[in-house]
Amino acid sequence: MSETRRADGDPELTTYRDVQLSPDFSELRRRFRRFVFPMTGLFLAWYFLYVLLAAYAPDFMSHKVAGNINVALLFGLGQFVSTFAITMIYVRWADKEIDPAAEKMRHLIEGEHQ
């Protein structure tokens, strides 16, 4: 990678282009996409199931589970729970898989040694 810097100490634009084209950066993007795209698809499928059931299966969604709690309420609360779960899973995964590689690249770009 290019280590060229401008007079003010900031890296030249070629450094960023070099990073973008580097195999390490490509691997980092690939690993990120392999996690994020399937997780996004899973969440969207779960969300659209909720919306479609609310629109086309009102009898099922209005089925009482206990007292005033019905299936629609449980599905709606499940949306919040799944959002927080996905966030926690992502943070753990990123801490373990993405952050160390990104930190290594940052050190390489800035010219620091570990």
Protein backbone atom coordinates (compact mmCIF):
# COMPACT_ATOMS: atom_id res chain seq x y z
CA MET A 1 0.00 0.00 0.00
CA SER A 2 1.06 3.52 -0.65
CA GLU A 3 2.37 5.45 2.34
CA THR A 4 2.37 8.84 0.55
CA ARG A 5 1.19 11.75 2.67
CA ARG A 6 0.41 15.37 1.89
CA ALA A 7 2.25 18.22 3.57
CA ASP A 8 -0.50 18.54 6.21
CA GLY A 9 0.05 14.90 7.26
CA ASP A 10 -3.16 13.51 5.77
CA PRO A 11 -2.84 10.46 3.53
CA GLU A 12 -3.10 11.06 -0.20
CA LEU A 13 -6.19 9.84 -2.03
CA THR A 14 -4.14 7.11 -3.69
CA THR A 15 -3.76 5.51 -0.27
CA TYR A 16 -7.51 5.07 0.00
CA ARG A 17 -7.71 3.70 -3.54
CA ASP A 18 -4.89 1.29 -2.74
CA VAL A 19 -6.77 0.16 0.36
CA GLN A 20 -10.00 -0.26 -1.58
CA LEU A 21 -8.24 -2.47 -4.12
CA SER A 22 -6.29 -4.49 -1.56
CA PRO A 23 -7.10 -8.18 -0.97
CA ASP A 24 -7.42 -7.55 2.79
CA PHE A 25 -10.11 -4.94 2.26
CA SER A 26 -11.93 -7.16 -0.24
CA GLU A 27 -11.90 -10.00 2.30
CA LEU A 28 -13.20 -7.67 5.00
CA ARG A 29 -16.08 -6.55 2.76
CA ARG A 30 -16.83 -10.15 1.77
CA ARG A 31 -17.03 -11.28 5.41
CA PHE A 32 -19.23 -8.30 6.28
CA ARG A 33 -21.62 -9.00 3.40
CA ARG A 34 -21.78 -12.72 4.17
CA PHE A 35 -23.18 -11.85 7.59
CA VAL A 36 -25.24 -8.74 6.92
CA PHE A 37 -27.10 -9.74 3.76
CA PRO A 38 -28.50 -13.05 5.08
CA MET A 39 -29.36 -11.46 8.44
CA THR A 40 -31.16 -8.61 6.68
CA GLY A 41 -33.04 -11.07 4.48
CA LEU A 42 -34.07 -13.12 7.50
CA PHE A 43 -35.33 -10.06 9.34
CA LEU A 44 -37.23 -8.75 6.31
CA ALA A 45 -38.87 -12.14 5.76
CA TRP A 46 -39.94 -12.20 9.42
CA TYR A 47 -41.26 -8.62 9.16
CA PHE A 48 -43.19 -9.26 5.92
CA LEU A 49 -44.67 -12.43 7.42
CA TYR A 50 -46.01 -10.27 10.25
CA VAL A 51 -47.43 -7.68 7.83
CA LEU A 52 -48.94 -10.30 5.50
CA LEU A 53 -50.56 -12.19 8.37
CA ALA A 54 -51.98 -8.94 9.74
CA ALA A 55 -53.42 -8.10 6.32
CA TYR A 56 -54.61 -11.52 5.13
CA ALA A 57 -55.15 -13.61 8.26
CA PRO A 58 -56.96 -11.32 10.69
CA ASP A 59 -58.77 -14.25 12.32
CA PHE A 60 -55.45 -15.93 13.13
CA MET A 61 -53.85 -12.70 14.34
CA SER A 62 -56.84 -11.83 16.55
CA HIS A 63 -56.80 -15.26 18.21
CA LYS A 64 -56.56 -14.68 21.97
CA VAL A 65 -53.66 -16.39 23.69
CA ALA A 66 -54.28 -15.23 27.26
CA GLY A 67 -56.62 -12.49 28.43
CA ASN A 68 -56.31 -9.52 26.08
CA ILE A 69 -53.07 -10.82 24.58
CA ASN A 70 -53.51 -12.04 21.01
CA VAL A 71 -51.22 -13.50 18.35
CA ALA A 72 -50.76 -10.09 16.66
CA LEU A 73 -49.48 -8.56 19.88
CA LEU A 74 -47.01 -11.41 20.35
CA PHE A 75 -45.80 -11.07 16.77
CA GLY A 76 -45.44 -7.30 17.20
CA LEU A 77 -43.45 -7.69 20.41
CA GLY A 78 -41.43 -10.38 18.66
CA GLN A 79 -40.36 -7.76 16.12
CA PHE A 80 -38.79 -5.69 18.89
CA VAL A 81 -37.17 -8.73 20.48
CA SER A 82 -35.73 -9.90 17.17
CA THR A 83 -34.36 -6.42 16.41
CA PHE A 84 -32.49 -6.33 19.72
CA ALA A 85 -31.33 -9.94 19.27
CA ILE A 86 -29.98 -9.22 15.78
CA THR A 87 -28.18 -6.15 17.13
CA MET A 88 -26.56 -8.14 19.94
CA ILE A 89 -25.56 -10.93 17.55
CA TYR A 90 -24.06 -8.42 15.13
CA VAL A 91 -22.08 -6.61 17.84
CA ARG A 92 -20.61 -9.89 19.12
CA TRP A 93 -19.81 -11.03 15.60
CA ALA A 94 -18.25 -7.70 14.59
CA ASP A 95 -16.15 -7.55 17.76
CA LYS A 96 -14.75 -10.99 16.97
CA GLU A 97 -14.61 -11.07 13.15
CA ILE A 98 -14.55 -7.56 11.71
CA ASP A 99 -13.04 -5.20 14.25
CA PRO A 100 -9.64 -6.93 14.59
CA ALA A 101 -9.16 -7.02 10.81
CA ALA A 102 -10.33 -3.40 10.46
CA GLU A 103 -7.96 -2.33 13.23
CA LYS A 104 -5.08 -4.11 11.50
CA MET A 105 -5.89 -2.30 8.26
CA ARG A 106 -6.10 1.01 10.08
CA HIS A 107 -2.61 0.50 11.49
CA LEU A 108 -1.30 -0.36 8.02
CA ILE A 109 -2.91 2.71 6.47
CA GLU A 110 -1.71 5.08 9.15
CA GLY A 111 1.77 3.59 9.12
CA GLU A 112 1.67 2.47 12.74
CA HIS A 113 3.10 -0.82 13.89
CA GLN A 114 1.48 -3.00 16.48
